[in-house]
Every structure is written in C-alpha cells, then in structure tokens.
Amino acid sequence: MCTLDAKDFVSELMRAPERLVKISQMPEEERRGAIRALGYGFTSRELDDYICYYADMLRDDLYLGEGDFRDIIMERWGNCLD
C-alpha cells in the first residue's frame, strides 16, 4: 500500500537523496515501479502542484544542478508517474 505523498518525496530528496538519485538513473520505463516500491503513491500532477506551491522555499533549499529545479524534478521523477 502506498502511503507516502509528494511532500514526503521532496523531504527525502532534500535530506537523503541517494535512493531517489539512483532511481533517476534507471531507464524511464522502470522509474515508476521503483518509486512505487519505496511506498510513494502520488501522481505526477500532485508532485508538480507541491513543487509549484512551495517553489520559493524549495528553490533556496534544494539544488539539483543547473537549470530550473521544477523541470529537473519532473524530468527525473515526475513524468514517469503518468
């Protein structure tokens, strides 16, 4: 049963991202199953909504590389959830 939401996902990404970074390096078709196996049950839209709502806070606390952090998160993890 999936019980973790987008907030939990972003929290893990901020404090201990190793598992999620490993998933982001998997082939795209395997990412959804890997995210679900960790217990996350949110949709792509829920992740995007969460990121947009907390954008100012996340922008300061979360660095994922060059570029827009929202685009990076959705490309690496969110888009495979549709």
N, C-alpha and C. Protein backbone atom coordinates (compact mmCIF):
# COMPACT_ATOMS: atom_id res chain seq x y z
N MET A 1 0.83 -1.18 0.00
CA MET A 1 0.00 0.00 0.00
C MET A 1 0.88 1.25 0.00
N CYS A 2 0.62 2.16 -0.90
CA CYS A 2 1.37 3.41 -0.99
C CYS A 2 0.81 4.40 0.01
N THR A 3 1.67 4.91 0.87
CA THR A 3 1.20 5.86 1.88
C THR A 3 1.98 7.17 1.86
N LEU A 4 3.08 7.22 1.17
CA LEU A 4 3.91 8.43 1.16
C LEU A 4 3.46 9.35 0.04
N ASP A 5 3.46 10.66 0.32
CA ASP A 5 2.98 11.63 -0.66
C ASP A 5 4.12 12.48 -1.23
N ALA A 6 3.76 13.48 -2.01
CA ALA A 6 4.76 14.33 -2.67
C ALA A 6 5.61 15.08 -1.65
N LYS A 7 5.01 15.49 -0.56
CA LYS A 7 5.77 16.17 0.49
C LYS A 7 6.86 15.24 1.04
N ASP A 8 6.51 13.99 1.28
CA ASP A 8 7.49 13.01 1.77
C ASP A 8 8.61 12.81 0.76
N PHE A 9 8.24 12.77 -0.52
CA PHE A 9 9.22 12.59 -1.59
C PHE A 9 10.23 13.73 -1.61
N VAL A 10 9.73 14.97 -1.58
CA VAL A 10 10.61 16.13 -1.61
C VAL A 10 11.46 16.18 -0.35
N SER A 11 10.89 15.80 0.78
CA SER A 11 11.64 15.75 2.02
C SER A 11 12.81 14.77 1.92
N GLU A 12 12.55 13.60 1.36
CA GLU A 12 13.64 12.63 1.17
C GLU A 12 14.68 13.17 0.19
N LEU A 13 14.21 13.82 -0.85
CA LEU A 13 15.12 14.39 -1.84
C LEU A 13 16.04 15.44 -1.20
N MET A 14 15.54 16.15 -0.20
CA MET A 14 16.33 17.20 0.45
C MET A 14 17.28 16.65 1.51
N ARG A 15 16.89 15.61 2.22
CA ARG A 15 17.71 15.16 3.36
C ARG A 15 18.57 13.93 3.07
N ALA A 16 18.09 13.03 2.23
CA ALA A 16 18.82 11.80 1.95
C ALA A 16 18.47 11.31 0.55
N PRO A 17 18.99 11.96 -0.47
CA PRO A 17 18.54 11.71 -1.84
C PRO A 17 19.11 10.48 -2.54
N GLU A 18 19.93 9.71 -1.90
CA GLU A 18 20.65 8.64 -2.58
C GLU A 18 19.74 7.67 -3.32
N ARG A 19 18.68 7.20 -2.66
CA ARG A 19 17.77 6.24 -3.31
C ARG A 19 17.08 6.86 -4.51
N LEU A 20 16.69 8.11 -4.38
CA LEU A 20 15.97 8.78 -5.46
C LEU A 20 16.89 9.11 -6.62
N VAL A 21 18.12 9.46 -6.33
CA VAL A 21 19.09 9.71 -7.40
C VAL A 21 19.34 8.42 -8.17
N LYS A 22 19.44 7.32 -7.46
CA LYS A 22 19.63 6.02 -8.10
C LYS A 22 18.46 5.71 -9.04
N ILE A 23 17.24 5.99 -8.60
CA ILE A 23 16.07 5.78 -9.44
C ILE A 23 16.11 6.66 -10.67
N SER A 24 16.55 7.90 -10.51
CA SER A 24 16.59 8.83 -11.65
C SER A 24 17.55 8.37 -12.74
N GLN A 25 18.46 7.49 -12.40
CA GLN A 25 19.43 6.99 -13.37
C GLN A 25 18.96 5.71 -14.06
N MET A 26 17.83 5.19 -13.63
CA MET A 26 17.25 3.99 -14.24
C MET A 26 16.59 4.34 -15.56
N PRO A 27 16.38 3.36 -16.42
CA PRO A 27 15.60 3.62 -17.63
C PRO A 27 14.23 4.16 -17.24
N GLU A 28 13.72 5.08 -18.03
CA GLU A 28 12.47 5.75 -17.68
C GLU A 28 11.31 4.79 -17.43
N GLU A 29 11.23 3.71 -18.18
CA GLU A 29 10.13 2.78 -18.01
C GLU A 29 10.17 2.01 -16.69
N GLU A 30 11.31 2.04 -15.99
CA GLU A 30 11.44 1.34 -14.71
C GLU A 30 11.25 2.26 -13.51
N ARG A 31 11.26 3.57 -13.73
CA ARG A 31 11.23 4.52 -12.62
C ARG A 31 9.93 4.47 -11.82
N ARG A 32 8.80 4.40 -12.51
CA ARG A 32 7.51 4.39 -11.82
C ARG A 32 7.44 3.25 -10.81
N GLY A 33 7.78 2.05 -11.24
CA GLY A 33 7.74 0.90 -10.34
C GLY A 33 8.69 1.06 -9.17
N ALA A 34 9.85 1.63 -9.42
CA ALA A 34 10.82 1.82 -8.35
C ALA A 34 10.32 2.85 -7.33
N ILE A 35 9.69 3.91 -7.81
CA ILE A 35 9.13 4.92 -6.91
C ILE A 35 7.99 4.31 -6.09
N ARG A 36 7.14 3.56 -6.74
CA ARG A 36 6.03 2.90 -6.03
C ARG A 36 6.55 1.87 -5.02
N ALA A 37 7.63 1.19 -5.35
CA ALA A 37 8.20 0.18 -4.44
C ALA A 37 8.72 0.82 -3.15
N LEU A 38 9.07 2.10 -3.21
CA LEU A 38 9.51 2.81 -2.00
C LEU A 38 8.33 3.25 -1.14
N GLY A 39 7.11 3.08 -1.66
CA GLY A 39 5.93 3.43 -0.89
C GLY A 39 5.28 4.75 -1.27
N TYR A 40 5.76 5.38 -2.31
CA TYR A 40 5.18 6.66 -2.74
C TYR A 40 3.95 6.42 -3.60
N GLY A 41 2.89 7.19 -3.32
CA GLY A 41 1.63 6.98 -4.01
C GLY A 41 1.08 8.21 -4.71
N PHE A 42 1.88 9.24 -4.89
CA PHE A 42 1.41 10.47 -5.53
C PHE A 42 1.44 10.36 -7.05
N THR A 43 0.69 11.26 -7.69
CA THR A 43 0.69 11.33 -9.14
C THR A 43 1.67 12.39 -9.60
N SER A 44 1.92 12.41 -10.89
CA SER A 44 2.78 13.43 -11.48
C SER A 44 2.22 14.82 -11.18
N ARG A 45 0.91 14.97 -11.31
CA ARG A 45 0.26 16.27 -11.06
C ARG A 45 0.41 16.70 -9.60
N GLU A 46 0.26 15.77 -8.67
CA GLU A 46 0.42 16.10 -7.25
C GLU A 46 1.84 16.55 -6.93
N LEU A 47 2.82 15.91 -7.54
CA LEU A 47 4.21 16.32 -7.34
C LEU A 47 4.44 17.71 -7.92
N ASP A 48 3.95 17.95 -9.12
CA ASP A 48 4.11 19.25 -9.75
C ASP A 48 3.41 20.34 -8.94
N ASP A 49 2.20 20.07 -8.47
CA ASP A 49 1.47 21.05 -7.66
C ASP A 49 2.23 21.38 -6.37
N TYR A 50 2.78 20.36 -5.73
CA TYR A 50 3.54 20.59 -4.50
C TYR A 50 4.77 21.44 -4.76
N ILE A 51 5.50 21.11 -5.81
CA ILE A 51 6.71 21.86 -6.15
C ILE A 51 6.36 23.32 -6.46
N CYS A 52 5.31 23.54 -7.23
CA CYS A 52 4.92 24.91 -7.58
C CYS A 52 4.47 25.70 -6.36
N TYR A 53 3.71 25.08 -5.48
CA TYR A 53 3.20 25.76 -4.29
C TYR A 53 4.34 26.19 -3.36
N TYR A 54 5.34 25.34 -3.21
CA TYR A 54 6.45 25.62 -2.30
C TYR A 54 7.71 26.05 -3.03
N ALA A 55 7.57 26.58 -4.23
CA ALA A 55 8.72 26.89 -5.08
C ALA A 55 9.74 27.80 -4.41
N ASP A 56 9.30 28.85 -3.75
CA ASP A 56 10.25 29.78 -3.14
C ASP A 56 11.11 29.11 -2.08
N MET A 57 10.49 28.32 -1.22
CA MET A 57 11.23 27.62 -0.18
C MET A 57 12.17 26.57 -0.78
N LEU A 58 11.66 25.80 -1.71
CA LEU A 58 12.45 24.73 -2.31
C LEU A 58 13.62 25.26 -3.12
N ARG A 59 13.41 26.36 -3.79
CA ARG A 59 14.48 26.95 -4.62
C ARG A 59 15.72 27.25 -3.77
N ASP A 60 15.50 27.69 -2.53
CA ASP A 60 16.60 28.02 -1.63
C ASP A 60 17.23 26.79 -0.99
N ASP A 61 16.44 25.74 -0.78
CA ASP A 61 16.90 24.58 -0.02
C ASP A 61 17.28 23.37 -0.86
N LEU A 62 16.97 23.38 -2.14
CA LEU A 62 17.16 22.20 -2.95
C LEU A 62 17.93 22.55 -4.22
N TYR A 63 19.14 22.07 -4.33
CA TYR A 63 19.93 22.31 -5.53
C TYR A 63 20.18 20.98 -6.23
N LEU A 64 19.72 20.87 -7.46
CA LEU A 64 19.84 19.62 -8.21
C LEU A 64 20.72 19.75 -9.44
N GLY A 65 21.30 20.90 -9.63
CA GLY A 65 22.13 21.14 -10.81
C GLY A 65 21.68 22.39 -11.53
N GLU A 66 22.29 22.64 -12.64
CA GLU A 66 21.97 23.82 -13.42
C GLU A 66 20.58 23.69 -14.03
N GLY A 67 19.84 24.76 -14.02
CA GLY A 67 18.51 24.77 -14.62
C GLY A 67 17.43 24.92 -13.58
N ASP A 68 16.20 24.93 -14.03
CA ASP A 68 15.04 25.09 -13.16
C ASP A 68 14.80 23.80 -12.37
N PHE A 69 14.76 23.92 -11.05
CA PHE A 69 14.64 22.71 -10.23
C PHE A 69 13.33 21.97 -10.49
N ARG A 70 12.26 22.69 -10.80
CA ARG A 70 10.98 22.04 -11.11
C ARG A 70 11.11 21.17 -12.35
N ASP A 71 11.73 21.71 -13.39
CA ASP A 71 11.93 20.93 -14.61
C ASP A 71 12.79 19.70 -14.35
N ILE A 72 13.81 19.86 -13.53
CA ILE A 72 14.70 18.74 -13.22
C ILE A 72 13.94 17.65 -12.47
N ILE A 73 13.16 18.02 -11.46
CA ILE A 73 12.40 17.03 -10.69
C ILE A 73 11.40 16.31 -11.57
N MET A 74 10.67 17.06 -12.37
CA MET A 74 9.65 16.43 -13.21
C MET A 74 10.29 15.54 -14.28
N GLU A 75 11.41 15.95 -14.83
CA GLU A 75 12.09 15.14 -15.85
C GLU A 75 12.63 13.84 -15.25
N ARG A 76 13.23 13.94 -14.08
CA ARG A 76 13.87 12.76 -13.48
C ARG A 76 12.91 11.80 -12.80
N TRP A 77 11.84 12.35 -12.18
CA TRP A 77 10.95 11.51 -11.39
C TRP A 77 9.48 11.67 -11.74
N GLY A 78 9.00 12.85 -11.98
CA GLY A 78 7.57 13.10 -12.10
C GLY A 78 6.92 12.60 -13.37
N ASN A 79 7.56 12.80 -14.51
CA ASN A 79 6.92 12.46 -15.78
C ASN A 79 6.63 10.98 -15.93
N CYS A 80 7.36 10.14 -15.26
CA CYS A 80 7.13 8.70 -15.40
C CYS A 80 5.90 8.22 -14.63
N LEU A 81 5.30 9.09 -13.85
CA LEU A 81 4.18 8.68 -13.00
C LEU A 81 2.83 8.79 -13.68
N ASP A 82 2.80 9.31 -14.88
CA ASP A 82 1.52 9.43 -15.61
C ASP A 82 1.06 8.11 -16.13
